[in-house]
Amino acid sequence: MDKKLKIPKFRTENQERVFWSKANLADHFKPADFESISFPNLKPTSRPISIRLPEYLLVRLKEQANELDIPYQSLIKKYLAQGVSQK
């Protein structure tokens, strides 16, 4: 750390917003000062994909999803997650 960053007490959120918009953290920290962290409870980001399935398989998936009263895409994700975790 080059020099200590003094963070004032803010009365409003707007004051804090202005402070952080003007503060140059590069003057106070080096990349080595930071440590890697993870947030395991955050919802993972999803990305749409395109997959070709035989018609009969898609029909069966939709029927099963209907019986379970869940969207068929959710059922497919569930099956994929189970398959990957069984490795």
Protein backbone atom coordinates (compact mmCIF):
# COMPACT_ATOMS: atom_id res chain seq x y z
CA MET A 1 0.00 0.00 0.00
CA ASP A 2 1.46 3.37 -0.99
CA LYS A 3 -0.44 5.70 1.33
CA LYS A 4 -3.29 5.18 3.74
CA LEU A 5 -6.71 5.98 2.34
CA LYS A 6 -8.76 8.00 4.82
CA ILE A 7 -12.43 7.25 4.36
CA PRO A 8 -14.66 9.92 5.89
CA LYS A 9 -18.02 9.29 7.55
CA PHE A 10 -20.75 10.06 5.05
CA ARG A 11 -24.05 11.70 5.95
CA THR A 12 -25.76 10.75 2.72
CA GLU A 13 -25.38 8.14 0.05
CA ASN A 14 -24.83 10.91 -2.48
CA GLN A 15 -21.79 12.19 -0.53
CA GLU A 16 -20.35 8.69 -0.57
CA ARG A 17 -21.05 8.33 -4.28
CA VAL A 18 -19.21 11.59 -5.02
CA PHE A 19 -16.25 10.56 -2.84
CA TRP A 20 -15.80 7.19 -4.54
CA SER A 21 -16.25 8.66 -8.01
CA LYS A 22 -13.30 11.02 -7.36
CA ALA A 23 -11.07 8.66 -5.37
CA ASN A 24 -8.27 7.03 -7.35
CA LEU A 25 -7.70 3.70 -5.67
CA ALA A 26 -4.57 3.12 -7.75
CA ASP A 27 -2.87 5.75 -5.58
CA HIS A 28 -3.57 3.69 -2.47
CA PHE A 29 -3.46 0.04 -3.52
CA LYS A 30 -1.42 -2.29 -5.71
CA PRO A 31 -2.89 -5.40 -7.34
CA ALA A 32 -0.92 -7.52 -4.85
CA ASP A 33 -2.89 -5.90 -2.00
CA PHE A 34 -6.05 -7.69 -3.11
CA GLU A 35 -6.97 -11.30 -2.51
CA SER A 36 -9.22 -13.47 -4.59
CA ILE A 37 -12.62 -14.21 -3.08
CA SER A 38 -15.67 -16.12 -4.22
CA PHE A 39 -19.36 -15.68 -3.57
CA PRO A 40 -20.78 -19.22 -3.56
CA ASN A 41 -24.32 -18.15 -2.69
CA LEU A 42 -24.73 -15.82 -5.65
CA LYS A 43 -26.99 -17.00 -8.40
CA PRO A 44 -24.78 -18.33 -11.19
CA THR A 45 -25.07 -16.54 -14.47
CA SER A 46 -26.87 -18.40 -17.21
CA ARG A 47 -26.09 -18.36 -20.88
CA PRO A 48 -28.52 -19.46 -23.55
CA ILE A 49 -27.38 -22.32 -25.74
CA SER A 50 -28.81 -24.04 -28.76
CA ILE A 51 -29.08 -27.82 -28.69
CA ARG A 52 -30.67 -30.19 -31.16
CA LEU A 53 -32.69 -33.01 -29.62
CA PRO A 54 -34.68 -35.76 -31.29
CA GLU A 55 -38.38 -34.87 -31.37
CA TYR A 56 -39.41 -37.91 -29.29
CA LEU A 57 -36.93 -36.96 -26.55
CA LEU A 58 -38.20 -33.39 -26.37
CA VAL A 59 -41.80 -34.65 -26.19
CA ARG A 60 -40.90 -37.03 -23.33
CA LEU A 61 -39.07 -34.25 -21.48
CA LYS A 62 -42.07 -31.95 -21.82
CA GLU A 63 -44.42 -34.69 -20.60
CA GLN A 64 -42.25 -35.38 -17.55
CA ALA A 65 -41.92 -31.68 -16.81
CA ASN A 66 -45.69 -31.31 -17.05
CA GLU A 67 -46.17 -34.17 -14.56
CA LEU A 68 -43.72 -32.47 -12.17
CA ASP A 69 -45.33 -29.08 -12.84
CA ILE A 70 -42.04 -27.39 -13.77
CA PRO A 71 -40.81 -25.80 -17.01
CA TYR A 72 -39.18 -28.33 -19.31
CA GLN A 73 -36.01 -26.20 -19.54
CA SER A 74 -35.67 -26.44 -15.75
CA LEU A 75 -36.04 -30.21 -15.95
CA ILE A 76 -33.32 -30.39 -18.60
CA LYS A 77 -31.01 -28.28 -16.39
CA LYS A 78 -31.76 -30.57 -13.45
CA TYR A 79 -30.93 -33.68 -15.48
CA LEU A 80 -27.72 -32.11 -16.81
CA ALA A 81 -26.61 -31.11 -13.30
CA GLN A 82 -27.29 -34.63 -12.00
CA GLY A 83 -25.35 -36.16 -14.87
CA VAL A 84 -22.36 -33.89 -14.35
CA SER A 85 -22.27 -34.47 -10.58
CA GLN A 86 -22.28 -38.28 -11.01
CA LYS A 87 -18.88 -38.27 -12.71
